Amino acid sequence: MQARAIQRFVRITPRKCNQVLELIRGQSVEQAQVTLQFTPKLGARIVQKVLKSAVANALHEGKVKIENLYVKEAVAGAGPTLKRWLPRAQGRATPMLKRMSHVSLTVALKE
């Protein structure tokens, strides 16, 4: 049995979010929650919410205990990019790319 949660259009780059997701991949849910609680990155707060949602989905689907769940899959894919312009010297402009992510997290029962 596995449960999934997705948060789309998060205003953080996929690269920064994947750094946090690497910390919890394969860990038990309880250990992942502790790791995220003490990780001082913006992505940790976002991933923590997605993890909480995935656990809630798992508890709603069947009679499972949190102790028996682990993080099976955790991925942050690229979302749309906001394109903005930054004024520069002598009338020029530089493009600014504000990237977004789609964070997907799957929890499953330990075997």
PDB file of N, CA and C in Angstrom:
ATOM      1  N   MET A   1       0.834  -1.171   0.000  1.00  0.00           N
ATOM      2  CA  MET A   1       0.000   0.000   0.000  1.00  0.00           C
ATOM      3  C   MET A   1       0.888   1.246   0.000  1.00  0.00           C
ATOM      4  N   GLN A   2       0.536   2.195  -0.822  1.00  0.00           N
ATOM      5  CA  GLN A   2       1.278   3.446  -0.840  1.00  0.00           C
ATOM      6  C   GLN A   2       0.327   4.613  -1.037  1.00  0.00           C
ATOM      7  N   ALA A   3       0.738   5.765  -0.561  1.00  0.00           N
ATOM      8  CA  ALA A   3      -0.055   6.984  -0.682  1.00  0.00           C
ATOM      9  C   ALA A   3       0.842   8.087  -1.215  1.00  0.00           C
ATOM     10  N   ARG A   4       0.216   9.047  -1.882  1.00  0.00           N
ATOM     11  CA  ARG A   4       0.987  10.071  -2.573  1.00  0.00           C
ATOM     12  C   ARG A   4       0.405  11.454  -2.292  1.00  0.00           C
ATOM     13  N   ALA A   5       1.262  12.462  -2.322  1.00  0.00           N
ATOM     14  CA  ALA A   5       0.832  13.847  -2.200  1.00  0.00           C
ATOM     15  C   ALA A   5       1.675  14.688  -3.157  1.00  0.00           C
ATOM     16  N   ILE A   6       1.022  15.645  -3.805  1.00  0.00           N
ATOM     17  CA  ILE A   6       1.704  16.518  -4.770  1.00  0.00           C
ATOM     18  C   ILE A   6       1.347  17.965  -4.446  1.00  0.00           C
ATOM     19  N   GLN A   7       2.358  18.807  -4.427  1.00  0.00           N
ATOM     20  CA  GLN A   7       2.122  20.243  -4.322  1.00  0.00           C
ATOM     21  C   GLN A   7       2.703  20.879  -5.574  1.00  0.00           C
ATOM     22  N   ARG A   8       1.847  21.572  -6.296  1.00  0.00           N
ATOM     23  CA  ARG A   8       2.275  22.128  -7.576  1.00  0.00           C
ATOM     24  C   ARG A   8       2.459  23.647  -7.475  1.00  0.00           C
ATOM     25  N   PHE A   9       3.257  24.185  -8.396  1.00  0.00           N
ATOM     26  CA  PHE A   9       3.494  25.627  -8.536  1.00  0.00           C
ATOM     27  C   PHE A   9       4.071  26.252  -7.265  1.00  0.00           C
ATOM     28  N   VAL A  10       5.079  25.603  -6.696  1.00  0.00           N
ATOM     29  CA  VAL A  10       5.760  26.117  -5.513  1.00  0.00           C
ATOM     30  C   VAL A  10       6.869  27.055  -5.977  1.00  0.00           C
ATOM     31  N   ARG A  11       6.953  28.235  -5.366  1.00  0.00           N
ATOM     32  CA  ARG A  11       7.933  29.230  -5.811  1.00  0.00           C
ATOM     33  C   ARG A  11       9.308  28.981  -5.206  1.00  0.00           C
ATOM     34  N   ILE A  12       9.910  27.861  -5.578  1.00  0.00           N
ATOM     35  CA  ILE A  12      11.282  27.534  -5.202  1.00  0.00           C
ATOM     36  C   ILE A  12      11.841  26.732  -6.374  1.00  0.00           C
ATOM     37  N   THR A  13      13.121  26.862  -6.631  1.00  0.00           N
ATOM     38  CA  THR A  13      13.693  26.143  -7.764  1.00  0.00           C
ATOM     39  C   THR A  13      13.750  24.649  -7.459  1.00  0.00           C
ATOM     40  N   PRO A  14      13.590  23.809  -8.468  1.00  0.00           N
ATOM     41  CA  PRO A  14      13.654  22.361  -8.241  1.00  0.00           C
ATOM     42  C   PRO A  14      15.001  21.917  -7.677  1.00  0.00           C
ATOM     43  N   ARG A  15      16.057  22.604  -8.050  1.00  0.00           N
ATOM     44  CA  ARG A  15      17.386  22.237  -7.572  1.00  0.00           C
ATOM     45  C   ARG A  15      17.493  22.399  -6.056  1.00  0.00           C
ATOM     46  N   LYS A  16      16.992  23.516  -5.528  1.00  0.00           N
ATOM     47  CA  LYS A  16      17.034  23.754  -4.088  1.00  0.00           C
ATOM     48  C   LYS A  16      16.125  22.780  -3.341  1.00  0.00           C
ATOM     49  N   CYS A  17      14.981  22.487  -3.924  1.00  0.00           N
ATOM     50  CA  CYS A  17      14.043  21.580  -3.275  1.00  0.00           C
ATOM     51  C   CYS A  17      14.574  20.144  -3.272  1.00  0.00           C
ATOM     52  N   ASN A  18      15.230  19.735  -4.335  1.00  0.00           N
ATOM     53  CA  ASN A  18      15.790  18.380  -4.410  1.00  0.00           C
ATOM     54  C   ASN A  18      16.905  18.165  -3.391  1.00  0.00           C
ATOM     55  N   GLN A  19      17.612  19.233  -3.010  1.00  0.00           N
ATOM     56  CA  GLN A  19      18.630  19.112  -1.973  1.00  0.00           C
ATOM     57  C   GLN A  19      18.006  18.655  -0.655  1.00  0.00           C
ATOM     58  N   VAL A  20      16.839  19.174  -0.349  1.00  0.00           N
ATOM     59  CA  VAL A  20      16.143  18.792   0.874  1.00  0.00           C
ATOM     60  C   VAL A  20      15.552  17.384   0.733  1.00  0.00           C
ATOM     61  N   LEU A  21      15.020  17.077  -0.440  1.00  0.00           N
ATOM     62  CA  LEU A  21      14.402  15.767  -0.654  1.00  0.00           C
ATOM     63  C   LEU A  21      15.418  14.632  -0.573  1.00  0.00           C
ATOM     64  N   GLU A  22      16.666  14.905  -0.948  1.00  0.00           N
ATOM     65  CA  GLU A  22      17.722  13.893  -0.840  1.00  0.00           C
ATOM     66  C   GLU A  22      17.949  13.471   0.611  1.00  0.00           C
ATOM     67  N   LEU A  23      17.694  14.382   1.540  1.00  0.00           N
ATOM     68  CA  LEU A  23      17.902  14.083   2.952  1.00  0.00           C
ATOM     69  C   LEU A  23      16.915  13.046   3.477  1.00  0.00           C
ATOM     70  N   ILE A  24      15.702  13.008   2.927  1.00  0.00           N
ATOM     71  CA  ILE A  24      14.661  12.149   3.508  1.00  0.00           C
ATOM     72  C   ILE A  24      14.328  10.925   2.663  1.00  0.00           C
ATOM     73  N   ARG A  25      14.848  10.826   1.446  1.00  0.00           N
ATOM     74  CA  ARG A  25      14.532   9.672   0.594  1.00  0.00           C
ATOM     75  C   ARG A  25      14.935   8.372   1.281  1.00  0.00           C
ATOM     76  N   GLY A  26      13.997   7.434   1.398  1.00  0.00           N
ATOM     77  CA  GLY A  26      14.291   6.134   1.976  1.00  0.00           C
ATOM     78  C   GLY A  26      14.185   6.071   3.490  1.00  0.00           C
ATOM     79  N   GLN A  27      13.991   7.198   4.151  1.00  0.00           N
ATOM     80  CA  GLN A  27      13.897   7.208   5.612  1.00  0.00           C
ATOM     81  C   GLN A  27      12.485   6.840   6.060  1.00  0.00           C
ATOM     82  N   SER A  28      12.364   6.433   7.329  1.00  0.00           N
ATOM     83  CA  SER A  28      11.039   6.237   7.894  1.00  0.00           C
ATOM     84  C   SER A  28      10.376   7.612   8.026  1.00  0.00           C
ATOM     85  N   VAL A  29       9.063   7.623   8.079  1.00  0.00           N
ATOM     86  CA  VAL A  29       8.335   8.889   8.128  1.00  0.00           C
ATOM     87  C   VAL A  29       8.674   9.668   9.398  1.00  0.00           C
ATOM     88  N   GLU A  30       8.773   8.976  10.522  1.00  0.00           N
ATOM     89  CA  GLU A  30       9.103   9.673  11.772  1.00  0.00           C
ATOM     90  C   GLU A  30      10.481  10.324  11.700  1.00  0.00           C
ATOM     91  N   GLN A  31      11.456   9.600  11.165  1.00  0.00           N
ATOM     92  CA  GLN A  31      12.811  10.142  11.037  1.00  0.00           C
ATOM     93  C   GLN A  31      12.835  11.300  10.043  1.00  0.00           C
ATOM     94  N   ALA A  32      12.075  11.195   8.962  1.00  0.00           N
ATOM     95  CA  ALA A  32      12.009  12.261   7.958  1.00  0.00           C
ATOM     96  C   ALA A  32      11.407  13.529   8.555  1.00  0.00           C
ATOM     97  N   GLN A  33      10.385  13.390   9.402  1.00  0.00           N
ATOM     98  CA  GLN A  33       9.767  14.552  10.030  1.00  0.00           C
ATOM     99  C   GLN A  33      10.754  15.270  10.952  1.00  0.00           C
ATOM    100  N   VAL A  34      11.548  14.502  11.690  1.00  0.00           N
ATOM    101  CA  VAL A  34      12.553  15.105  12.575  1.00  0.00           C
ATOM    102  C   VAL A  34      13.635  15.795  11.751  1.00  0.00           C
ATOM    103  N   THR A  35      14.068  15.140  10.685  1.00  0.00           N
ATOM    104  CA  THR A  35      15.101  15.731   9.813  1.00  0.00           C
ATOM    105  C   THR A  35      14.626  17.053   9.234  1.00  0.00           C
ATOM    106  N   LEU A  36      13.394  17.091   8.739  1.00  0.00           N
ATOM    107  CA  LEU A  36      12.863  18.313   8.135  1.00  0.00           C
ATOM    108  C   LEU A  36      12.660  19.417   9.167  1.00  0.00           C
ATOM    109  N   GLN A  37      12.304  19.032  10.380  1.00  0.00           N
ATOM    110  CA  GLN A  37      12.066  20.018  11.428  1.00  0.00           C
ATOM    111  C   GLN A  37      13.339  20.803  11.752  1.00  0.00           C
ATOM    112  N   PHE A  38      14.496  20.140  11.657  1.00  0.00           N
ATOM    113  CA  PHE A  38      15.753  20.792  12.025  1.00  0.00           C
ATOM    114  C   PHE A  38      16.618  21.167  10.823  1.00  0.00           C
ATOM    115  N   THR A  39      16.047  21.164   9.633  1.00  0.00           N
ATOM    116  CA  THR A  39      16.777  21.586   8.439  1.00  0.00           C
ATOM    117  C   THR A  39      16.478  23.059   8.180  1.00  0.00           C
ATOM    118  N   PRO A  40      17.490  23.933   8.204  1.00  0.00           N
ATOM    119  CA  PRO A  40      17.244  25.372   8.082  1.00  0.00           C
ATOM    120  C   PRO A  40      17.184  25.849   6.624  1.00  0.00           C
ATOM    121  N   LYS A  41      16.293  25.294   5.846  1.00  0.00           N
ATOM    122  CA  LYS A  41      16.126  25.714   4.452  1.00  0.00           C
ATOM    123  C   LYS A  41      14.647  25.956   4.183  1.00  0.00           C
ATOM    124  N   LEU A  42      14.363  26.826   3.228  1.00  0.00           N
ATOM    125  CA  LEU A  42      12.982  27.108   2.855  1.00  0.00           C
ATOM    126  C   LEU A  42      12.297  25.852   2.318  1.00  0.00           C
ATOM    127  N   GLY A  43      13.019  25.064   1.566  1.00  0.00           N
ATOM    128  CA  GLY A  43      12.459  23.845   0.988  1.00  0.00           C
ATOM    129  C   GLY A  43      12.007  22.852   2.039  1.00  0.00           C
ATOM    130  N   ALA A  44      12.610  22.880   3.220  1.00  0.00           N
ATOM    131  CA  ALA A  44      12.246  21.953   4.284  1.00  0.00           C
ATOM    132  C   ALA A  44      10.814  22.203   4.751  1.00  0.00           C
ATOM    133  N   ARG A  45      10.401  23.457   4.848  1.00  0.00           N
ATOM    134  CA  ARG A  45       9.035  23.777   5.276  1.00  0.00           C
ATOM    135  C   ARG A  45       8.027  23.280   4.231  1.00  0.00           C
ATOM    136  N   ILE A  46       8.355  23.452   2.962  1.00  0.00           N
ATOM    137  CA  ILE A  46       7.472  23.031   1.878  1.00  0.00           C
ATOM    138  C   ILE A  46       7.349  21.510   1.855  1.00  0.00           C
ATOM    139  N   VAL A  47       8.483  20.822   1.935  1.00  0.00           N
ATOM    140  CA  VAL A  47       8.498  19.361   1.899  1.00  0.00           C
ATOM    141  C   VAL A  47       7.797  18.795   3.126  1.00  0.00           C
ATOM    142  N   GLN A  48       7.915  19.481   4.259  1.00  0.00           N
ATOM    143  CA  GLN A  48       7.276  19.033   5.488  1.00  0.00           C
ATOM    144  C   GLN A  48       5.754  19.017   5.321  1.00  0.00           C
ATOM    145  N   LYS A  49       5.216  20.023   4.664  1.00  0.00           N
ATOM    146  CA  LYS A  49       3.777  20.071   4.425  1.00  0.00           C
ATOM    147  C   LYS A  49       3.328  18.955   3.482  1.00  0.00           C
ATOM    148  N   VAL A  50       4.128  18.686   2.450  1.00  0.00           N
ATOM    149  CA  VAL A  50       3.782  17.630   1.498  1.00  0.00           C
ATOM    150  C   VAL A  50       3.854  16.264   2.180  1.00  0.00           C
ATOM    151  N   LEU A  51       4.862  16.064   3.022  1.00  0.00           N
ATOM    152  CA  LEU A  51       4.996  14.803   3.757  1.00  0.00           C
ATOM    153  C   LEU A  51       3.806  14.586   4.689  1.00  0.00           C
ATOM    154  N   LYS A  52       3.411  15.635   5.378  1.00  0.00           N
ATOM    155  CA  LYS A  52       2.266  15.549   6.281  1.00  0.00           C
ATOM    156  C   LYS A  52       0.998  15.172   5.507  1.00  0.00           C
ATOM    157  N   SER A  53       0.842  15.729   4.334  1.00  0.00           N
ATOM    158  CA  SER A  53      -0.315  15.423   3.493  1.00  0.00           C
ATOM    159  C   SER A  53      -0.290  13.977   3.006  1.00  0.00           C
ATOM    160  N   ALA A  54       0.886  13.487   2.611  1.00  0.00           N
ATOM    161  CA  ALA A  54       1.010  12.103   2.141  1.00  0.00           C
ATOM    162  C   ALA A  54       0.702  11.119   3.266  1.00  0.00           C
ATOM    163  N   VAL A  55       1.153  11.428   4.471  1.00  0.00           N
ATOM    164  CA  VAL A  55       0.868  10.564   5.624  1.00  0.00           C
ATOM    165  C   VAL A  55      -0.631  10.568   5.924  1.00  0.00           C
ATOM    166  N   ALA A  56      -1.248  11.728   5.851  1.00  0.00           N
ATOM    167  CA  ALA A  56      -2.697  11.818   6.075  1.00  0.00           C
ATOM    168  C   ALA A  56      -3.457  11.004   5.031  1.00  0.00           C
ATOM    169  N   ASN A  57      -2.991  11.039   3.779  1.00  0.00           N
ATOM    170  CA  ASN A  57      -3.622  10.245   2.730  1.00  0.00           C
ATOM    171  C   ASN A  57      -3.481   8.751   3.012  1.00  0.00           C
ATOM    172  N   ALA A  58      -2.325   8.340   3.507  1.00  0.00           N
ATOM    173  CA  ALA A  58      -2.090   6.928   3.821  1.00  0.00           C
ATOM    174  C   ALA A  58      -2.981   6.471   4.978  1.00  0.00           C
ATOM    175  N   LEU A  59      -3.113   7.302   5.996  1.00  0.00           N
ATOM    176  CA  LEU A  59      -3.946   6.948   7.140  1.00  0.00           C
ATOM    177  C   LEU A  59      -5.421   6.896   6.751  1.00  0.00           C
ATOM    178  N   HIS A  60      -5.816   7.728   5.813  1.00  0.00           N
ATOM    179  CA  HIS A  60      -7.206   7.753   5.367  1.00  0.00           C
ATOM    180  C   HIS A  60      -7.539   6.544   4.491  1.00  0.00           C
ATOM    181  N   GLU A  61      -6.596   6.097   3.686  1.00  0.00           N
ATOM    182  CA  GLU A  61      -6.826   4.978   2.761  1.00  0.00           C
ATOM    183  C   GLU A  61      -7.010   3.647   3.482  1.00  0.00           C
ATOM    184  N   GLY A  62      -6.178   3.375   4.491  1.00  0.00           N
ATOM    185  CA  GLY A  62      -6.254   2.086   5.158  1.00  0.00           C
ATOM    186  C   GLY A  62      -5.849   2.188   6.604  1.00  0.00           C
ATOM    187  N   LYS A  63      -5.950   1.069   7.286  1.00  0.00           N
ATOM    188  CA  LYS A  63      -5.573   1.047   8.700  1.00  0.00           C
ATOM    189  C   LYS A  63      -4.085   0.745   8.816  1.00  0.00           C
ATOM    190  N   VAL A  64      -3.288   1.789   8.746  1.00  0.00           N
ATOM    191  CA  VAL A  64      -1.843   1.652   8.871  1.00  0.00           C
ATOM    192  C   VAL A  64      -1.374   2.556  10.009  1.00  0.00           C
ATOM    193  N   LYS A  65      -0.199   2.260  10.523  1.00  0.00           N
ATOM    194  CA  LYS A  65       0.395   3.081  11.566  1.00  0.00           C
ATOM    195  C   LYS A  65       1.551   3.861  10.968  1.00  0.00           C
ATOM    196  N   ILE A  66       1.783   5.042  11.523  1.00  0.00           N
ATOM    197  CA  ILE A  66       2.864   5.900  11.023  1.00  0.00           C
ATOM    198  C   ILE A  66       4.215   5.210  11.171  1.00  0.00           C
ATOM    199  N   GLU A  67       4.371   4.382  12.192  1.00  0.00           N
ATOM    200  CA  GLU A  67       5.646   3.698  12.430  1.00  0.00           C
ATOM    201  C   GLU A  67       6.005   2.751  11.282  1.00  0.00           C
ATOM    202  N   ASN A  68       5.004   2.300  10.533  1.00  0.00           N
ATOM    203  CA  ASN A  68       5.237   1.331   9.461  1.00  0.00           C
ATOM    204  C   ASN A  68       5.446   1.982   8.092  1.00  0.00           C
ATOM    205  N   LEU A  69       5.439   3.304   8.027  1.00  0.00           N
ATOM    206  CA  LEU A  69       5.572   4.002   6.745  1.00  0.00           C
ATOM    207  C   LEU A  69       6.994   4.515   6.546  1.00  0.00           C
ATOM    208  N   TYR A  70       7.402   4.563   5.271  1.00  0.00           N
ATOM    209  CA  TYR A  70       8.695   5.171   4.917  1.00  0.00           C
ATOM    210  C   TYR A  70       8.524   5.979   3.631  1.00  0.00           C
ATOM    211  N   VAL A  71       9.461   6.864   3.366  1.00  0.00           N
ATOM    212  CA  VAL A  71       9.421   7.709   2.174  1.00  0.00           C
ATOM    213  C   VAL A  71       9.970   6.895   1.007  1.00  0.00           C
ATOM    214  N   LYS A  72       9.079   6.502   0.121  1.00  0.00           N
ATOM    215  CA  LYS A  72       9.483   5.653  -0.996  1.00  0.00           C
ATOM    216  C   LYS A  72      10.065   6.488  -2.136  1.00  0.00           C
ATOM    217  N   GLU A  73       9.394   7.572  -2.459  1.00  0.00           N
ATOM    218  CA  GLU A  73       9.812   8.393  -3.600  1.00  0.00           C
ATOM    219  C   GLU A  73       9.612   9.857  -3.246  1.00  0.00           C
ATOM    220  N   ALA A  74      10.577  10.691  -3.585  1.00  0.00           N
ATOM    221  CA  ALA A  74      10.492  12.129  -3.334  1.00  0.00           C
ATOM    222  C   ALA A  74      11.187  12.859  -4.479  1.00  0.00           C
ATOM    223  N   VAL A  75      10.403  13.622  -5.248  1.00  0.00           N
ATOM    224  CA  VAL A  75      10.929  14.269  -6.453  1.00  0.00           C
ATOM    225  C   VAL A  75      10.377  15.691  -6.549  1.00  0.00           C
ATOM    226  N   ALA A  76      11.215  16.613  -6.985  1.00  0.00           N
ATOM    227  CA  ALA A  76      10.775  17.966  -7.305  1.00  0.00           C
ATOM    228  C   ALA A  76      11.073  18.204  -8.777  1.00  0.00           C
ATOM    229  N   GLY A  77      10.035  18.279  -9.572  1.00  0.00           N
ATOM    230  CA  GLY A  77      10.185  18.507 -11.004  1.00  0.00           C
ATOM    231  C   GLY A  77      10.003  19.975 -11.339  1.00  0.00           C
ATOM    232  N   ALA A  78      10.386  20.329 -12.524  1.00  0.00           N
ATOM    233  CA  ALA A  78      10.291  21.719 -12.960  1.00  0.00           C
ATOM    234  C   ALA A  78       8.857  22.092 -13.283  1.00  0.00           C
ATOM    235  N   GLY A  79       8.456  23.258 -12.820  1.00  0.00           N
ATOM    236  CA  GLY A  79       7.163  23.821 -13.153  1.00  0.00           C
ATOM    237  C   GLY A  79       7.375  24.945 -14.159  1.00  0.00           C
ATOM    238  N   PRO A  80       6.391  25.798 -14.329  1.00  0.00           N
ATOM    239  CA  PRO A  80       6.555  26.923 -15.248  1.00  0.00           C
ATOM    240  C   PRO A  80       7.559  27.943 -14.703  1.00  0.00           C
ATOM    241  N   THR A  81       8.077  28.753 -15.582  1.00  0.00           N
ATOM    242  CA  THR A  81       9.067  29.761 -15.212  1.00  0.00           C
ATOM    243  C   THR A  81       8.499  31.152 -15.472  1.00  0.00           C
ATOM    244  N   LEU A  82       8.562  32.020 -14.466  1.00  0.00           N
ATOM    245  CA  LEU A  82       8.165  33.409 -14.643  1.00  0.00           C
ATOM    246  C   LEU A  82       9.344  34.152 -15.267  1.00  0.00           C
ATOM    247  N   LYS A  83       9.088  34.849 -16.346  1.00  0.00           N
ATOM    248  CA  LYS A  83      10.158  35.576 -17.031  1.00  0.00           C
ATOM    249  C   LYS A  83       9.994  37.065 -16.752  1.00  0.00           C
ATOM    250  N   ARG A  84      11.007  37.639 -16.124  1.00  0.00           N
ATOM    251  CA  ARG A  84      10.998  39.060 -15.769  1.00  0.00           C
ATOM    252  C   ARG A  84      12.268  39.704 -16.313  1.00  0.00           C
ATOM    253  N   TRP A  85      12.281  41.036 -16.337  1.00  0.00           N
ATOM    254  CA  TRP A  85      13.440  41.760 -16.861  1.00  0.00           C
ATOM    255  C   TRP A  85      14.016  42.661 -15.793  1.00  0.00           C
ATOM    256  N   LEU A  86      15.335  42.695 -15.711  1.00  0.00           N
ATOM    257  CA  LEU A  86      16.056  43.513 -14.746  1.00  0.00           C
ATOM    258  C   LEU A  86      16.767  44.634 -15.513  1.00  0.00           C
ATOM    259  N   PRO A  87      16.461  45.895 -15.202  1.00  0.00           N
ATOM    260  CA  PRO A  87      17.124  46.996 -15.901  1.00  0.00           C
ATOM    261  C   PRO A  87      18.624  47.026 -15.607  1.00  0.00           C
ATOM    262  N   ARG A  88      19.409  47.292 -16.627  1.00  0.00           N
ATOM    263  CA  ARG A  88      20.859  47.373 -16.490  1.00  0.00           C
ATOM    264  C   ARG A  88      21.344  48.721 -17.023  1.00  0.00           C
ATOM    265  N   ALA A  89      22.641  48.894 -17.029  1.00  0.00           N
ATOM    266  CA  ALA A  89      23.230  50.167 -17.447  1.00  0.00           C
ATOM    267  C   ALA A  89      23.041  50.410 -18.941  1.00  0.00           C
ATOM    268  N   GLN A  90      22.986  51.660 -19.313  1.00  0.00           N
ATOM    269  CA  GLN A  90      22.935  52.131 -20.703  1.00  0.00           C
ATOM    270  C   GLN A  90      21.727  51.589 -21.463  1.00  0.00           C
ATOM    271  N   GLY A  91      20.589  51.494 -20.773  1.00  0.00           N
ATOM    272  CA  GLY A  91      19.341  51.117 -21.443  1.00  0.00           C
ATOM    273  C   GLY A  91      19.189  49.642 -21.743  1.00  0.00           C
ATOM    274  N   ARG A  92      20.084  48.823 -21.258  1.00  0.00           N
ATOM    275  CA  ARG A  92      19.976  47.388 -21.514  1.00  0.00           C
ATOM    276  C   ARG A  92      19.088  46.722 -20.458  1.00  0.00           C
ATOM    277  N   ALA A  93      18.788  45.460 -20.695  1.00  0.00           N
ATOM    278  CA  ALA A  93      17.998  44.696 -19.731  1.00  0.00           C
ATOM    279  C   ALA A  93      18.518  43.262 -19.701  1.00  0.00           C
ATOM    280  N   THR A  94      18.424  42.640 -18.533  1.00  0.00           N
ATOM    281  CA  THR A  94      18.856  41.260 -18.351  1.00  0.00           C
ATOM    282  C   THR A  94      17.638  40.428 -17.946  1.00  0.00           C
ATOM    283  N   PRO A  95      17.479  39.257 -18.538  1.00  0.00           N
ATOM    284  CA  PRO A  95      16.333  38.432 -18.135  1.00  0.00           C
ATOM    285  C   PRO A  95      16.535  37.803 -16.760  1.00  0.00           C
ATOM    286  N   MET A  96      15.450  37.733 -15.990  1.00  0.00           N
ATOM    287  CA  MET A  96      15.442  37.029 -14.705  1.00  0.00           C
ATOM    288  C   MET A  96      14.457  35.880 -14.843  1.00  0.00           C
ATOM    289  N   LEU A  97      14.886  34.691 -14.497  1.00  0.00           N
ATOM    290  CA  LEU A  97      14.013  33.529 -14.571  1.00  0.00           C
ATOM    291  C   LEU A  97      13.648  33.100 -13.159  1.00  0.00           C
ATOM    292  N   LYS A  98      12.384  33.222 -12.807  1.00  0.00           N
ATOM    293  CA  LYS A  98      11.910  32.816 -11.479  1.00  0.00           C
ATOM    294  C   LYS A  98      11.246  31.454 -11.629  1.00  0.00           C
ATOM    295  N   ARG A  99      11.958  30.431 -11.223  1.00  0.00           N
ATOM    296  CA  ARG A  99      11.512  29.063 -11.463  1.00  0.00           C
ATOM    297  C   ARG A  99      10.539  28.568 -10.392  1.00  0.00           C
ATOM    298  N   MET A 100       9.669  27.648 -10.820  1.00  0.00           N
ATOM    299  CA  MET A 100       8.722  27.007  -9.915  1.00  0.00           C
ATOM    300  C   MET A 100       8.935  25.502  -9.938  1.00  0.00           C
ATOM    301  N   SER A 101       8.382  24.823  -8.936  1.00  0.00           N
ATOM    302  CA  SER A 101       8.543  23.372  -8.815  1.00  0.00           C
ATOM    303  C   SER A 101       7.195  22.698  -8.609  1.00  0.00           C
ATOM    304  N   HIS A 102       7.163  21.412  -8.937  1.00  0.00           N
ATOM    305  CA  HIS A 102       6.069  20.527  -8.568  1.00  0.00           C
ATOM    306  C   HIS A 102       6.689  19.464  -7.665  1.00  0.00           C
ATOM    307  N   VAL A 103       6.335  19.457  -6.389  1.00  0.00           N
ATOM    308  CA  VAL A 103       6.909  18.538  -5.414  1.00  0.00           C
ATOM    309  C   VAL A 103       5.977  17.334  -5.262  1.00  0.00           C
ATOM    310  N   SER A 104       6.530  16.133  -5.476  1.00  0.00           N
ATOM    311  CA  SER A 104       5.771  14.896  -5.390  1.00  0.00           C
ATOM    312  C   SER A 104       6.443  13.974  -4.382  1.00  0.00           C
ATOM    313  N   LEU A 105       5.628  13.412  -3.477  1.00  0.00           N
ATOM    314  CA  LEU A 105       6.170  12.562  -2.418  1.00  0.00           C
ATOM    315  C   LEU A 105       5.274  11.331  -2.248  1.00  0.00           C
ATOM    316  N   THR A 106       5.881  10.160  -2.191  1.00  0.00           N
ATOM    317  CA  THR A 106       5.155   8.901  -2.022  1.00  0.00           C
ATOM    318  C   THR A 106       5.635   8.204  -0.760  1.00  0.00           C
ATOM    319  N   VAL A 107       4.686   7.785   0.076  1.00  0.00           N
ATOM    320  CA  VAL A 107       5.018   6.980   1.250  1.00  0.00           C
ATOM    321  C   VAL A 107       4.425   5.589   1.061  1.00  0.00           C
ATOM    322  N   ALA A 108       5.119   4.575   1.597  1.00  0.00           N
ATOM    323  CA  ALA A 108       4.670   3.204   1.440  1.00  0.00           C
ATOM    324  C   ALA A 108       4.927   2.441   2.737  1.00  0.00           C
ATOM    325  N   LEU A 109       4.316   1.276   2.840  1.00  0.00           N
ATOM    326  CA  LEU A 109       4.528   0.398   3.995  1.00  0.00           C
ATOM    327  C   LEU A 109       5.881  -0.278   3.916  1.00  0.00           C
ATOM    328  N   LYS A 110       6.520  -0.431   5.072  1.00  0.00           N
ATOM    329  CA  LYS A 110       7.777  -1.186   5.118  1.00  0.00           C
ATOM    330  C   LYS A 110       7.461  -2.655   4.904  1.00  0.00           C
ATOM    331  N   GLU A 111       8.358  -3.342   4.213  1.00  0.00           N
ATOM    332  CA  GLU A 111       8.112  -4.758   3.931  1.00  0.00           C
ATOM    333  C   GLU A 111       8.837  -5.667   4.884  1.00  0.00           C
TER     334      GLU A 111
END
